[in-house]
């Protein structure tokens, strides 16, 4: 067997994630952490006091790493950038503090972390673009406005899926993410479902499937954050949530 030339291997190495991509991945980590705590709190047996400690401490470390990645970009200081870093430092502090608390108290500290991390990604993308490019990139025509909004809602940890009587359905906040939209994103390789990872919709019910972004989905969302819309800003029949709604920032016309 012929060994590949050493130089050719260099082109097979994936580029490191951008700071925006790191923040979107961080949001997913917080969502997984919160889901795990929800399941612990609803388990038949009470959880061990430190069952969540390692996960919380890992989140604190990863959040600090994301902050260092942003600082390594050496962007000019601005109110928006300063506040973004400050919010991330607060998330790191809350995650670290959660490691020393009970599962219930720890869950409250990181409840809003996924959406906060995505919001920071939106601000960072806009600030980076404002300093390095005159205009935002053209929207990806392969994704409709509804699909773009759905990516953001999934990133925020707002979307779960389940089935009943042979029919699949989704549960999400406004703007609604329909099952047809989730399936379309899955077909494109941008989203996936983790079976039984989210707490049930009602007491005694089965765990739900968490919708998550794939690596390709994170890259896609990072590339279109704060870019011009390709069409209607929300699915028909939905009412956009008031700001700060990350999906509305993404779909906003500039």
Protein backbone atom coordinates (compact mmCIF):
# COMPACT_ATOMS: atom_id res chain seq x y z
CA UNK A 1 0.00 0.00 0.00
CA UNK A 2 1.31 3.40 -0.96
CA UNK A 3 1.57 5.79 1.96
CA UNK A 4 0.13 9.26 1.30
CA UNK A 5 2.67 12.01 0.86
CA UNK A 6 3.23 14.00 4.04
CA UNK A 7 2.35 17.28 2.34
CA UNK A 8 -1.02 15.94 1.14
CA UNK A 9 -2.01 15.22 4.72
CA UNK A 10 -1.80 18.90 5.52
CA UNK A 11 -4.82 19.58 3.34
CA UNK A 12 -6.91 16.98 5.18
CA UNK A 13 -6.62 18.74 8.52
CA UNK A 14 -9.80 20.59 9.40
CA UNK A 15 -9.25 24.26 10.27
CA UNK A 16 -9.64 25.13 13.94
CA UNK A 17 -13.08 26.41 14.90
CA UNK A 18 -13.60 30.14 14.80
CA UNK A 19 -14.48 31.92 18.06
CA UNK A 20 -18.09 32.19 16.85
CA UNK A 21 -18.21 28.45 16.17
CA UNK A 22 -16.72 27.80 19.61
CA UNK A 23 -19.52 29.79 21.22
CA UNK A 24 -22.18 27.87 19.30
CA UNK A 25 -20.59 24.61 20.37
CA UNK A 26 -20.45 25.92 23.93
CA UNK A 27 -24.19 26.60 23.79
CA UNK A 28 -24.74 22.97 22.82
CA UNK A 29 -22.57 21.83 25.73
CA UNK A 30 -24.66 23.87 28.16
CA UNK A 31 -27.85 22.41 26.68
CA UNK A 32 -26.55 18.86 27.11
CA UNK A 33 -25.52 19.67 30.68
CA UNK A 34 -28.93 21.12 31.51
CA UNK A 35 -30.70 18.14 29.95
CA UNK A 36 -28.59 15.74 31.99
CA UNK A 37 -29.45 17.60 35.19
CA UNK A 38 -33.15 17.57 34.30
CA UNK A 39 -33.05 13.80 33.93
CA UNK A 40 -31.16 13.44 37.21
CA UNK A 41 -33.77 15.52 39.03
CA UNK A 42 -36.56 13.37 37.64
CA UNK A 43 -34.90 9.99 38.21
CA UNK A 44 -36.49 7.50 40.57
CA UNK A 45 -33.46 7.57 42.85
CA UNK A 46 -32.08 10.88 44.18
CA UNK A 47 -28.84 11.89 42.43
CA UNK A 48 -25.51 11.87 44.18
CA UNK A 49 -24.67 15.38 45.48
CA UNK A 50 -21.68 15.70 43.14
CA UNK A 51 -23.17 13.89 40.13
CA UNK A 52 -22.99 17.07 38.07
CA UNK A 53 -19.77 18.55 39.44
CA UNK A 54 -17.37 17.30 36.76
CA UNK A 55 -19.65 18.46 33.93
CA UNK A 56 -20.12 21.90 35.49
CA UNK A 57 -16.41 22.38 36.02
CA UNK A 58 -15.69 21.29 32.45
CA UNK A 59 -18.15 23.90 31.21
CA UNK A 60 -16.41 26.58 33.26
CA UNK A 61 -13.07 25.58 31.71
CA UNK A 62 -14.47 25.50 28.17
CA UNK A 63 -16.08 28.91 28.64
CA UNK A 64 -12.76 30.35 29.77
CA UNK A 65 -11.15 28.81 26.69
CA UNK A 66 -13.74 30.50 24.48
CA UNK A 67 -12.93 33.83 26.12
CA UNK A 68 -9.22 33.33 25.41
CA UNK A 69 -10.02 32.52 21.78
CA UNK A 70 -11.93 35.79 21.45
CA UNK A 71 -9.12 37.76 23.07
CA UNK A 72 -6.61 36.10 20.73
CA UNK A 73 -8.42 37.71 17.79
CA UNK A 74 -7.13 41.08 19.03
CA UNK A 75 -10.25 42.96 17.97
CA UNK A 76 -10.46 46.62 18.83
CA UNK A 77 -12.29 47.25 22.07
CA UNK A 78 -15.91 48.27 21.90
CA UNK A 79 -18.81 48.36 24.33
CA UNK A 80 -20.40 45.39 22.56
CA UNK A 81 -17.24 43.28 22.62
CA UNK A 82 -16.49 44.18 26.24
CA UNK A 83 -20.00 43.21 27.30
CA UNK A 84 -19.77 39.94 25.36
CA UNK A 85 -16.60 38.94 27.18
CA UNK A 86 -18.14 40.04 30.47
CA UNK A 87 -21.21 37.86 29.89
CA UNK A 88 -19.00 34.88 29.13
CA UNK A 89 -17.00 35.47 32.30
CA UNK A 90 -20.29 35.47 34.20
CA UNK A 91 -21.23 32.16 32.57
CA UNK A 92 -17.88 30.68 33.57
CA UNK A 93 -18.38 31.88 37.13
CA UNK A 94 -21.90 30.42 37.30
CA UNK A 95 -20.77 27.08 35.90
CA UNK A 96 -17.90 26.90 38.38
CA UNK A 97 -20.22 27.81 41.27
CA UNK A 98 -22.74 25.20 40.13
CA UNK A 99 -20.19 22.45 40.73
CA UNK A 100 -20.41 23.10 44.48
CA UNK A 101 -24.20 23.24 44.71
CA UNK A 102 -26.98 20.67 44.73
CA UNK A 103 -28.27 19.42 41.40
CA UNK A 104 -31.43 21.52 41.68
CA UNK A 105 -29.59 24.73 42.51
CA UNK A 106 -26.96 24.04 39.88
CA UNK A 107 -29.65 23.63 37.22
CA UNK A 108 -30.98 27.11 37.93
CA UNK A 109 -27.56 28.72 37.53
CA UNK A 110 -27.07 27.46 33.97
CA UNK A 111 -30.72 27.59 32.85
CA UNK A 112 -30.17 30.56 30.50
CA UNK A 113 -26.62 29.69 29.46
CA UNK A 114 -27.33 28.19 26.00
CA UNK A 115 -29.24 31.23 24.76
CA UNK A 116 -26.67 33.56 26.34
CA UNK A 117 -23.82 31.79 24.53
CA UNK A 118 -25.65 32.06 21.19
CA UNK A 119 -26.38 35.73 21.83
CA UNK A 120 -22.68 36.29 22.47
CA UNK A 121 -21.92 34.49 19.18
CA UNK A 122 -24.29 36.84 17.32
CA UNK A 123 -22.63 39.93 18.81
CA UNK A 124 -19.13 38.60 18.20
CA UNK A 125 -19.94 37.79 14.56
CA UNK A 126 -21.28 41.31 13.99
CA UNK A 127 -18.30 42.93 15.71
CA UNK A 128 -15.81 40.80 13.78
CA UNK A 129 -17.50 41.58 10.48
CA UNK A 130 -17.70 45.30 11.25
CA UNK A 131 -13.95 45.45 11.70
CA UNK A 132 -12.86 43.21 8.83
CA UNK A 133 -15.46 43.50 6.07
CA UNK A 134 -17.53 46.37 4.80
CA UNK A 135 -20.64 44.28 4.18
CA UNK A 136 -22.10 41.04 5.46
CA UNK A 137 -21.78 37.96 3.23
CA UNK A 138 -24.63 37.08 0.91
CA UNK A 139 -27.13 34.69 2.49
CA UNK A 140 -26.83 30.98 1.72
CA UNK A 141 -29.50 30.33 -0.91
CA UNK A 142 -29.58 26.66 0.06
CA UNK A 143 -31.27 27.60 3.34
CA UNK A 144 -34.63 29.30 3.57
CA UNK A 145 -35.29 32.01 6.14
CA UNK A 146 -37.34 29.51 8.14
CA UNK A 147 -34.46 27.03 8.14
CA UNK A 148 -31.99 29.73 9.19
CA UNK A 149 -34.25 30.69 12.08
CA UNK A 150 -34.62 27.01 13.02
CA UNK A 151 -30.83 26.62 13.21
CA UNK A 152 -30.69 29.44 15.74
CA UNK A 153 -33.56 28.02 17.79
CA UNK A 154 -31.88 24.62 17.87
CA UNK A 155 -28.59 26.23 18.90
CA UNK A 156 -30.37 27.93 21.82
CA UNK A 157 -31.65 24.56 23.05
CA UNK A 158 -35.27 25.40 22.30
CA UNK A 159 -36.23 22.40 20.15
CA UNK A 160 -37.14 18.83 21.13
CA UNK A 161 -38.91 16.09 19.19
CA UNK A 162 -41.01 13.07 20.02
CA UNK A 163 -43.61 10.76 18.53
CA UNK A 164 -47.06 9.56 19.46
CA UNK A 165 -49.32 7.06 17.72
CA UNK A 166 -46.85 6.82 14.86
CA UNK A 167 -46.72 10.58 14.33
CA UNK A 168 -43.60 12.67 14.92
CA UNK A 169 -43.82 16.18 16.27
CA UNK A 170 -41.64 18.94 17.67
CA UNK A 171 -41.90 21.15 20.72
CA UNK A 172 -40.29 24.58 20.58
CA UNK A 173 -40.73 28.21 21.51
CA UNK A 174 -41.80 30.99 19.19
CA UNK A 175 -40.96 31.11 16.36
CA UNK A 176 -42.13 27.50 16.00
CA UNK A 177 -39.79 24.95 14.46
CA UNK A 178 -41.92 22.44 12.56
CA UNK A 179 -41.04 18.78 12.14
CA UNK A 180 -40.81 19.30 8.37
CA UNK A 181 -38.16 21.98 8.93
CA UNK A 182 -36.20 19.78 11.33
CA UNK A 183 -36.29 16.89 8.86
CA UNK A 184 -35.06 19.19 6.08
CA UNK A 185 -32.10 20.28 8.21
CA UNK A 186 -31.35 16.66 9.09
CA UNK A 187 -31.38 15.76 5.40
CA UNK A 188 -28.83 18.51 4.77
CA UNK A 189 -26.67 17.12 7.60
CA UNK A 190 -27.06 20.30 9.66
CA UNK A 191 -29.12 18.92 12.57
CA UNK A 192 -29.63 15.67 14.40
CA UNK A 193 -31.60 14.29 17.32
CA UNK A 194 -30.23 12.73 20.50
CA UNK A 195 -32.80 10.17 21.58
CA UNK A 196 -34.23 10.36 25.09
CA UNK A 197 -31.86 13.10 26.24
CA UNK A 198 -34.43 15.77 27.24
CA UNK A 199 -36.92 15.58 30.09
CA UNK A 200 -40.50 14.53 29.41
CA UNK A 201 -43.26 16.92 28.45
CA UNK A 202 -45.42 15.68 31.34
CA UNK A 203 -44.93 13.81 34.60
CA UNK A 204 -44.40 10.13 33.92
CA UNK A 205 -43.95 10.66 30.21
CA UNK A 206 -41.03 9.37 28.12
CA UNK A 207 -37.91 11.52 27.66
CA UNK A 208 -37.89 13.64 24.52
CA UNK A 209 -35.29 13.76 21.76
CA UNK A 210 -33.12 16.87 21.83
CA UNK A 211 -32.55 18.52 18.45
CA UNK A 212 -28.92 19.58 18.10
CA UNK A 213 -26.71 21.11 15.47
CA UNK A 214 -24.11 18.92 13.82
CA UNK A 215 -20.60 20.25 13.23
CA UNK A 216 -21.74 21.25 9.75
CA UNK A 217 -24.79 22.93 11.26
CA UNK A 218 -22.63 24.96 13.62
CA UNK A 219 -20.42 26.05 10.72
CA UNK A 220 -23.48 26.98 8.66
CA UNK A 221 -25.04 29.01 11.45
CA UNK A 222 -21.75 30.76 12.22
CA UNK A 223 -21.46 31.81 8.57
CA UNK A 224 -24.93 33.32 8.35
CA UNK A 225 -25.29 34.92 11.76
CA UNK A 226 -26.36 38.57 11.41
CA UNK A 227 -26.46 38.30 7.60
CA UNK A 228 -29.35 39.60 5.44
CA UNK A 229 -32.48 37.46 5.24
CA UNK A 230 -33.21 35.27 2.21
CA UNK A 231 -36.98 35.65 2.62
CA UNK A 232 -39.65 35.95 5.32
CA UNK A 233 -38.12 36.27 8.79
CA UNK A 234 -40.36 33.67 10.38
CA UNK A 235 -42.46 30.68 9.45
CA UNK A 236 -46.03 31.47 8.36
CA UNK A 237 -48.41 31.81 11.24
CA UNK A 238 -45.73 32.54 13.85
CA UNK A 239 -45.08 35.72 15.78
CA UNK A 240 -41.41 36.61 16.34
CA UNK A 241 -40.39 36.94 19.96
CA UNK A 242 -39.28 40.42 21.04
CA UNK A 243 -35.57 41.13 21.30
CA UNK A 244 -33.27 39.82 22.58
CA UNK A 245 -34.39 36.89 20.42
CA UNK A 246 -31.32 35.52 18.69
CA UNK A 247 -33.24 34.12 15.75
CA UNK A 248 -34.72 37.57 15.04
CA UNK A 249 -31.24 39.12 15.08
CA UNK A 250 -30.11 36.57 12.51
CA UNK A 251 -33.13 37.11 10.26
CA UNK A 252 -33.02 40.92 10.58
CA UNK A 253 -32.49 42.99 7.46
CA UNK A 254 -29.44 45.16 7.69
